[in-house]
């Protein structure tokens, strides 16, 4: 199994004290836009819009859209009137902030050695910045994306959730095809580690240089950048394997799936959605219709039944045959995705209201026998992961 390193950026790959960098960044940006809006007004609404991104739980709304909706209208100006100026800022002024940062030789060593071991690398920075700002900071770190084959770089243009929400990491792992051994590496005990722990993913907390591995409990550890790979190599596969069965992990996966799918299929032409790579394989449209119907007719009714009845009997459902019986291939995939997202929102609302005791509510399943709500919900999350991987295969085939 291949290890996937989910690498934080600031003060992990790049020495960058945010308590210094952020004020300098915001001051430079607000002053650059002073000809259009007063700096104090700009900063007030900029900070509020950024906070709204952190709070977002809508899988149908990208963080960039959340920011735009909470920023430009409050400035009282059209987005188009200031966007060219902001683009120019990132091209000309943002690079002048580089002296506030420093590359970390240990981070470069970590990346180089991880690549030699065929690890997959992703930049798991909280996606509150545009991609150009993230790419520039990676260049400052001595890890330019043009040279380092990062599988994914988080930014506000393509993500729906931010740290410390576990849904952020769920969205990232979905985009990566739900890899077998993901490990979060970061310096922030309040953002990076809760995000990983909430999803059931292994984590390594950076505590300083050359401290040696400490506080290792099999699933997580802390130490220096130079300790990360040694810890991973010394840790059994079963300890590094994620555990997605906790209520927080289940909710993160179910919340993130609609948004992850929207991003994954965003660049695939609609005319290719109904193409099958093989007669026995489903097209993208068929997968989306399947997700829609299973959510509406199986998942949501099943969870409602378990929460409203005493130890109910849950019948099995053969949903695969619906693809042919209901002629999924002839339906509208975009409408199916929208309906799936709506139904999934209802599922997440139901689960979000449960107490810890409610997750253990019993049921009798026609196939699995005695079970409980947590197990049923975990099966739904596993179903999501399976079809995300299927969607990625369909996309890969369509692109070739």
Protein backbone atom coordinates (compact mmCIF):
# COMPACT_ATOMS: atom_id res chain seq x y z
CA UNK A 1 0.00 0.00 0.00
CA UNK A 2 1.23 3.47 -0.90
CA UNK A 3 1.50 6.19 1.73
CA UNK A 4 -0.13 9.52 0.94
CA UNK A 5 1.37 12.47 2.82
CA UNK A 6 -1.11 15.28 3.42
CA UNK A 7 1.28 18.14 4.02
CA UNK A 8 0.34 21.40 5.68
CA UNK A 9 2.05 24.44 4.16
CA UNK A 10 2.69 27.33 6.54
CA UNK A 11 5.17 26.45 9.30
CA UNK A 12 5.31 22.92 7.93
CA UNK A 13 6.74 23.09 4.41
CA UNK A 14 7.50 26.81 4.73
CA UNK A 15 8.62 28.80 7.75
CA UNK A 16 5.90 31.43 7.85
CA UNK A 17 4.66 32.88 11.10
CA UNK A 18 1.05 33.69 10.28
CA UNK A 19 0.79 36.24 13.08
CA UNK A 20 3.34 38.27 11.08
CA UNK A 21 2.48 37.26 7.55
CA UNK A 22 -1.30 37.71 7.66
CA UNK A 23 -1.29 41.34 8.92
CA UNK A 24 1.33 42.24 6.32
CA UNK A 25 -0.63 40.47 3.58
CA UNK A 26 -3.95 42.09 4.47
CA UNK A 27 -2.39 45.52 4.89
CA UNK A 28 -0.72 45.28 1.49
CA UNK A 29 -3.94 44.07 -0.17
CA UNK A 30 -6.15 46.72 1.42
CA UNK A 31 -3.73 49.52 0.56
CA UNK A 32 -3.51 48.27 -3.02
CA UNK A 33 -7.29 48.53 -3.32
CA UNK A 34 -7.46 51.91 -1.55
CA UNK A 35 -8.34 53.71 -4.76
CA UNK A 36 -11.63 51.80 -4.86
CA UNK A 37 -12.53 51.17 -1.21
CA UNK A 38 -11.24 52.49 2.12
CA UNK A 39 -8.68 50.12 3.70
CA UNK A 40 -10.54 49.85 7.02
CA UNK A 41 -13.79 48.89 5.28
CA UNK A 42 -11.93 46.50 3.00
CA UNK A 43 -10.27 44.74 5.94
CA UNK A 44 -13.45 44.43 7.98
CA UNK A 45 -15.36 42.70 5.24
CA UNK A 46 -12.34 40.70 4.08
CA UNK A 47 -11.93 39.18 7.54
CA UNK A 48 -15.63 38.44 7.85
CA UNK A 49 -15.77 36.80 4.43
CA UNK A 50 -12.73 34.70 5.32
CA UNK A 51 -14.43 33.57 8.53
CA UNK A 52 -17.53 32.59 6.55
CA UNK A 53 -15.33 30.27 4.47
CA UNK A 54 -14.10 28.54 7.62
CA UNK A 55 -17.71 28.09 8.74
CA UNK A 56 -19.06 26.79 5.43
CA UNK A 57 -20.90 23.46 5.51
CA UNK A 58 -22.61 23.69 2.12
CA UNK A 59 -21.28 20.99 -0.26
CA UNK A 60 -22.78 22.85 -3.21
CA UNK A 61 -20.87 26.07 -2.54
CA UNK A 62 -17.16 26.46 -3.25
CA UNK A 63 -15.19 28.51 -0.73
CA UNK A 64 -14.44 31.11 -3.39
CA UNK A 65 -18.19 31.55 -3.93
CA UNK A 66 -18.71 31.84 -0.16
CA UNK A 67 -16.05 34.55 -0.01
CA UNK A 68 -17.42 36.43 -3.01
CA UNK A 69 -20.99 36.39 -1.67
CA UNK A 70 -19.88 37.76 1.69
CA UNK A 71 -17.33 40.27 0.44
CA UNK A 72 -18.16 42.19 -2.73
CA UNK A 73 -21.83 43.01 -1.96
CA UNK A 74 -20.82 44.42 1.42
CA UNK A 75 -18.25 46.65 -0.23
CA UNK A 76 -21.06 48.04 -2.34
CA UNK A 77 -19.17 47.46 -5.57
CA UNK A 78 -19.41 44.97 -8.41
CA UNK A 79 -16.95 42.09 -8.29
CA UNK A 80 -15.86 42.84 -11.85
CA UNK A 81 -14.80 46.33 -10.81
CA UNK A 82 -12.11 45.10 -8.42
CA UNK A 83 -11.19 41.60 -9.64
CA UNK A 84 -8.56 42.83 -12.17
CA UNK A 85 -6.93 44.84 -9.39
CA UNK A 86 -6.81 41.84 -7.04
CA UNK A 87 -5.39 39.64 -9.80
CA UNK A 88 -2.72 42.26 -10.37
CA UNK A 89 -1.98 42.31 -6.63
CA UNK A 90 -1.21 38.59 -6.58
CA UNK A 91 0.96 38.94 -9.66
CA UNK A 92 2.96 42.00 -8.57
CA UNK A 93 2.63 42.70 -4.83
CA UNK A 94 2.10 39.32 -3.18
CA UNK A 95 5.59 38.15 -4.28
CA UNK A 96 7.11 41.00 -2.23
CA UNK A 97 5.97 39.20 0.94
CA UNK A 98 8.47 36.41 0.32
CA UNK A 99 11.11 37.92 2.70
CA UNK A 100 8.69 37.28 5.59
CA UNK A 101 9.12 33.56 4.98
CA UNK A 102 11.99 31.10 4.82
CA UNK A 103 12.40 27.70 3.18
CA UNK A 104 12.83 24.74 5.52
CA UNK A 105 15.68 22.42 4.49
CA UNK A 106 14.11 19.59 6.51
CA UNK A 107 10.87 19.99 4.55
CA UNK A 108 12.74 19.75 1.26
CA UNK A 109 14.52 16.63 2.53
CA UNK A 110 11.18 15.14 3.58
CA UNK A 111 9.61 15.74 0.17
CA UNK A 112 12.62 14.45 -1.78
CA UNK A 113 12.90 11.29 0.30
CA UNK A 114 9.15 10.66 0.22
CA UNK A 115 9.20 10.83 -3.57
CA UNK A 116 12.07 8.33 -3.66
CA UNK A 117 9.84 5.98 -1.64
CA UNK A 118 7.01 6.51 -4.15
CA UNK A 119 4.80 8.23 -1.63
CA UNK A 120 1.96 10.35 -2.98
CA UNK A 121 2.14 13.99 -1.87
CA UNK A 122 -0.68 16.50 -1.46
CA UNK A 123 -0.65 20.04 -0.07
CA UNK A 124 -3.28 20.03 2.66
CA UNK A 125 -3.22 23.72 3.50
CA UNK A 126 -6.52 25.20 4.62
CA UNK A 127 -8.00 26.41 1.32
CA UNK A 128 -8.62 30.04 2.22
CA UNK A 129 -6.24 31.43 -0.42
CA UNK A 130 -6.44 31.45 -4.23
CA UNK A 131 -4.29 28.87 -5.96
CA UNK A 132 -1.76 31.45 -7.15
CA UNK A 133 -0.99 32.43 -3.55
CA UNK A 134 -0.53 28.79 -2.53
CA UNK A 135 1.69 28.02 -5.51
CA UNK A 136 3.83 31.07 -4.81
CA UNK A 137 4.35 30.05 -1.18
CA UNK A 138 5.37 26.58 -2.33
CA UNK A 139 7.93 28.20 -4.61
CA UNK A 140 9.22 30.24 -1.67
CA UNK A 141 9.56 26.94 0.20
CA UNK A 142 11.82 25.61 -2.55
CA UNK A 143 9.10 23.18 -3.62
CA UNK A 144 7.68 24.67 -6.82
CA UNK A 145 4.66 22.73 -8.14
CA UNK A 146 6.21 22.89 -11.60
CA UNK A 147 8.93 20.56 -10.31
CA UNK A 148 7.35 18.68 -7.40
CA UNK A 149 4.56 16.30 -8.52
CA UNK A 150 1.97 17.17 -5.90
CA UNK A 151 -1.14 15.10 -6.60
CA UNK A 152 -3.39 17.84 -5.26
CA UNK A 153 -3.03 21.38 -3.92
CA UNK A 154 -5.89 22.74 -1.83
CA UNK A 155 -7.19 26.20 -2.72
CA UNK A 156 -10.42 28.13 -2.38
CA UNK A 157 -11.33 27.74 -6.07
CA UNK A 158 -11.94 23.98 -5.84
CA UNK A 159 -12.70 23.17 -2.18
CA UNK A 160 -15.93 23.42 -0.21
CA UNK A 161 -14.59 23.00 3.34
CA UNK A 162 -11.70 24.30 5.42
CA UNK A 163 -9.75 23.23 8.49
CA UNK A 164 -10.40 22.24 11.19
CA UNK A 165 -13.50 20.52 9.76
CA UNK A 166 -12.84 16.84 9.05
CA UNK A 167 -14.95 17.34 5.91
CA UNK A 168 -11.98 19.26 4.47
CA UNK A 169 -9.74 16.23 4.74
CA UNK A 170 -12.55 13.96 3.52
CA UNK A 171 -12.89 16.16 0.45
CA UNK A 172 -9.15 16.01 -0.15
CA UNK A 173 -9.01 12.23 0.17
CA UNK A 174 -12.02 11.85 -2.11
CA UNK A 175 -10.27 13.95 -4.76
CA UNK A 176 -7.27 11.61 -4.36
CA UNK A 177 -9.42 8.49 -4.77
CA UNK A 178 -9.55 7.54 -1.07
CA UNK A 179 -5.95 6.26 -0.76
CA UNK A 180 -5.08 3.37 1.57
CA UNK A 181 -2.63 5.01 3.98
CA UNK A 182 -3.09 8.77 4.31
CA UNK A 183 -1.02 10.60 6.92
CA UNK A 184 -1.61 14.24 7.90
CA UNK A 185 1.58 16.17 8.70
CA UNK A 186 1.21 19.61 10.23
CA UNK A 187 2.25 21.97 12.99
CA UNK A 188 -1.12 23.16 14.28
CA UNK A 189 -2.68 21.14 17.14
CA UNK A 190 -5.93 23.07 16.75
CA UNK A 191 -6.37 22.79 12.96
CA UNK A 192 -4.30 19.98 11.49
CA UNK A 193 -4.60 17.29 14.14
CA UNK A 194 -8.34 17.59 15.01
CA UNK A 195 -9.07 17.53 11.28
CA UNK A 196 -7.22 14.22 10.93
CA UNK A 197 -8.43 12.68 14.18
CA UNK A 198 -12.03 13.59 13.38
CA UNK A 199 -11.75 11.62 10.13
CA UNK A 200 -9.86 8.71 11.65
CA UNK A 201 -6.65 9.43 9.73
CA UNK A 202 -3.12 9.01 11.09
CA UNK A 203 -1.31 12.24 11.92
CA UNK A 204 2.12 13.59 12.78
CA UNK A 205 2.29 16.82 14.79
CA UNK A 206 5.44 18.88 14.23
CA UNK A 207 6.80 20.16 17.52
CA UNK A 208 10.25 21.42 16.58
CA UNK A 209 13.57 20.45 15.03
CA UNK A 210 15.46 17.30 16.06
CA UNK A 211 13.25 16.50 19.02
CA UNK A 212 12.92 12.83 18.19
CA UNK A 213 9.64 10.96 17.94
CA UNK A 214 7.51 11.48 21.02
CA UNK A 215 3.96 10.72 22.06
CA UNK A 216 3.62 7.92 19.51
CA UNK A 217 0.50 5.84 20.12
CA UNK A 218 0.46 3.84 16.89
CA UNK A 219 -2.09 6.07 15.15
CA UNK A 220 -0.36 9.40 15.66
CA UNK A 221 2.94 10.85 16.79
CA UNK A 222 4.81 14.10 17.19
CA UNK A 223 8.35 15.19 16.58
CA UNK A 224 10.39 16.94 13.89
CA UNK A 225 10.21 16.93 10.11
CA UNK A 226 13.22 14.61 10.07
CA UNK A 227 11.29 12.11 12.19
CA UNK A 228 8.21 11.78 9.97
CA UNK A 229 9.38 9.13 7.52
CA UNK A 230 11.13 7.06 10.18
CA UNK A 231 7.89 6.93 12.16
CA UNK A 232 5.86 5.96 9.11
CA UNK A 233 8.28 3.18 8.16
CA UNK A 234 8.29 1.86 11.73
CA UNK A 235 4.50 1.90 12.03
CA UNK A 236 2.58 -1.26 11.01
CA UNK A 237 0.23 -0.88 8.07
CA UNK A 238 -2.80 -1.68 10.20
CA UNK A 239 -2.02 1.32 12.43
CA UNK A 240 -1.63 3.70 9.51
CA UNK A 241 -4.81 2.46 7.85
CA UNK A 242 -7.64 4.99 8.37
CA UNK A 243 -10.66 4.17 10.49
CA UNK A 244 -13.75 5.83 9.06
CA UNK A 245 -16.27 4.29 11.45
CA UNK A 246 -16.64 7.04 14.07
CA UNK A 247 -19.68 9.35 13.91
CA UNK A 248 -17.46 12.33 13.11
CA UNK A 249 -15.72 10.48 10.27
CA UNK A 250 -19.00 9.23 8.84
CA UNK A 251 -20.54 12.70 8.90
CA UNK A 252 -17.43 14.23 7.31
CA UNK A 253 -17.51 11.74 4.44
CA UNK A 254 -21.25 12.06 3.84
CA UNK A 255 -21.05 15.86 3.98
CA UNK A 256 -18.13 16.10 1.56
CA UNK A 257 -19.21 13.62 -1.11
CA UNK A 258 -21.57 15.81 -3.20
CA UNK A 259 -19.04 18.63 -3.38
CA UNK A 260 -16.18 16.24 -4.16
CA UNK A 261 -18.16 14.76 -7.04
CA UNK A 262 -18.98 18.20 -8.43
CA UNK A 263 -15.30 19.12 -8.47
CA UNK A 264 -14.18 15.79 -9.93
CA UNK A 265 -16.61 15.87 -12.85
CA UNK A 266 -16.38 19.62 -13.41
CA UNK A 267 -14.00 19.38 -16.37
CA UNK A 268 -15.61 16.36 -18.02
CA UNK A 269 -17.79 17.41 -21.00
CA UNK A 270 -21.47 16.62 -20.41
CA UNK A 271 -21.67 14.73 -23.69
CA UNK A 272 -19.28 12.16 -22.21
CA UNK A 273 -21.35 11.52 -19.09
CA UNK A 274 -23.36 8.73 -20.75
CA UNK A 275 -20.41 6.95 -22.34
CA UNK A 276 -19.52 3.49 -21.02
CA UNK A 277 -15.91 2.35 -21.15
CA UNK A 278 -17.19 -1.24 -21.28
CA UNK A 279 -20.68 -2.74 -21.70
CA UNK A 280 -20.50 -4.07 -18.12
CA UNK A 281 -19.39 -0.75 -16.63
CA UNK A 282 -21.63 2.13 -15.59
CA UNK A 283 -21.34 5.55 -17.17
CA UNK A 284 -21.04 8.66 -15.04
CA UNK A 285 -24.74 9.41 -15.53
CA UNK A 286 -25.67 5.93 -14.32
CA UNK A 287 -23.50 6.32 -11.21
CA UNK A 288 -25.11 9.67 -10.39
CA UNK A 289 -28.62 8.27 -10.87
CA UNK A 290 -27.71 5.32 -8.66
CA UNK A 291 -26.46 7.63 -5.91
CA UNK A 292 -29.61 9.73 -6.20
CA UNK A 293 -32.03 6.82 -5.92
CA UNK A 294 -30.14 5.00 -3.19
CA UNK A 295 -30.00 8.16 -1.09
CA UNK A 296 -33.68 8.97 -1.59
CA UNK A 297 -35.14 5.47 -1.40
CA UNK A 298 -32.73 3.48 0.78
CA UNK A 299 -30.36 5.52 2.93
CA UNK A 300 -32.63 8.26 4.20
CA UNK A 301 -35.70 6.02 4.80
CA UNK A 302 -33.48 3.44 6.51
CA UNK A 303 -31.97 5.98 8.92
CA UNK A 304 -35.39 7.48 9.63
CA UNK A 305 -36.70 4.01 10.40
CA UNK A 306 -33.92 3.20 12.85
CA UNK A 307 -34.29 6.53 14.67
CA UNK A 308 -38.09 6.38 14.92
CA UNK A 309 -38.81 2.71 15.60
CA UNK A 310 -37.68 0.29 18.27
CA UNK A 311 -35.15 -2.23 16.93
CA UNK A 312 -36.77 -2.25 13.45
CA UNK A 313 -36.27 -4.84 10.71
CA UNK A 314 -34.34 -3.37 7.78
CA UNK A 315 -34.90 -5.19 4.47
CA UNK A 316 -32.13 -5.64 1.94
CA UNK A 317 -32.28 -3.85 -1.40
CA UNK A 318 -30.89 -4.96 -4.76
CA UNK A 319 -30.29 -1.50 -6.17
CA UNK A 320 -27.84 -2.44 -8.95
CA UNK A 321 -30.65 -3.71 -11.18
CA UNK A 322 -32.25 -0.26 -11.12
CA UNK A 323 -29.69 0.96 -13.67
CA UNK A 324 -31.34 -1.11 -16.40
CA UNK A 325 -34.90 -1.20 -15.04
CA UNK A 326 -35.03 2.59 -14.68
CA UNK A 327 -32.98 3.34 -17.83
CA UNK A 328 -30.41 5.45 -16.00
CA UNK A 329 -28.41 5.83 -19.22
CA UNK A 330 -31.22 7.96 -20.68
CA UNK A 331 -31.57 10.27 -17.68
CA UNK A 332 -29.99 13.66 -16.92
CA UNK A 333 -26.86 13.23 -14.81
CA UNK A 334 -26.76 16.85 -13.72
CA UNK A 335 -30.30 16.67 -12.35
CA UNK A 336 -29.45 13.39 -10.62
CA UNK A 337 -26.45 14.99 -8.93
CA UNK A 338 -28.56 17.92 -7.75
CA UNK A 339 -31.22 15.59 -6.33
CA UNK A 340 -28.57 13.43 -4.67
CA UNK A 341 -27.08 16.52 -3.05
CA UNK A 342 -30.50 17.64 -1.77
CA UNK A 343 -31.29 14.22 -0.31
CA UNK A 344 -27.80 13.95 1.19
CA UNK A 345 -28.28 17.29 2.92
CA UNK A 346 -31.37 15.81 4.62
CA UNK A 347 -29.34 12.76 5.66
CA UNK A 348 -26.63 14.94 7.18
CA UNK A 349 -29.19 17.06 9.01
CA UNK A 350 -30.69 13.91 10.52
CA UNK A 351 -27.30 12.59 11.63
CA UNK A 352 -26.25 15.99 12.94
CA UNK A 353 -29.09 15.95 15.47
CA UNK A 354 -28.18 12.58 16.98
CA UNK A 355 -26.82 12.16 20.49
CA UNK A 356 -23.91 9.76 21.13
CA UNK A 357 -26.45 7.24 22.43
CA UNK A 358 -28.55 7.53 19.26
CA UNK A 359 -25.66 6.24 17.15
CA UNK A 360 -26.04 2.91 18.96
CA UNK A 361 -29.75 2.52 18.24
CA UNK A 362 -30.31 -1.14 17.27
CA UNK A 363 -31.80 -2.62 14.13
CA UNK A 364 -32.12 -6.03 12.44
CA UNK A 365 -30.77 -6.12 8.92
CA UNK A 366 -31.95 -8.74 6.44
CA UNK A 367 -28.36 -9.51 5.39
CA UNK A 368 -26.09 -8.36 8.25
CA UNK A 369 -28.34 -9.47 11.10
CA UNK A 370 -28.22 -7.50 14.38
CA UNK A 371 -26.74 -4.08 13.73
CA UNK A 372 -27.01 -0.46 14.86
CA UNK A 373 -27.27 2.99 13.35
CA UNK A 374 -23.52 3.64 13.44
CA UNK A 375 -22.85 0.54 11.34
CA UNK A 376 -25.62 1.39 8.88
CA UNK A 377 -24.29 4.93 8.45
CA UNK A 378 -20.76 3.57 8.09
CA UNK A 379 -21.95 1.36 5.22
CA UNK A 380 -23.37 4.46 3.51
CA UNK A 381 -20.00 6.21 3.85
CA UNK A 382 -18.26 3.16 2.43
CA UNK A 383 -20.71 3.19 -0.47
CA UNK A 384 -19.72 6.83 -1.11
CA UNK A 385 -16.03 5.98 -1.18
CA UNK A 386 -16.60 3.07 -3.56
CA UNK A 387 -18.46 5.21 -6.08
CA UNK A 388 -16.00 8.08 -5.81
CA UNK A 389 -13.31 5.62 -6.88
CA UNK A 390 -15.59 4.38 -9.66
CA UNK A 391 -16.16 7.95 -10.86
CA UNK A 392 -12.41 8.56 -10.99
CA UNK A 393 -11.95 5.46 -13.13
CA UNK A 394 -14.68 6.64 -15.50
CA UNK A 395 -13.03 10.06 -15.76
CA UNK A 396 -9.59 8.54 -16.34
CA UNK A 397 -10.97 6.34 -19.11
CA UNK A 398 -12.78 9.28 -20.71
CA UNK A 399 -9.63 11.38 -20.71
CA UNK A 400 -7.56 8.69 -22.46
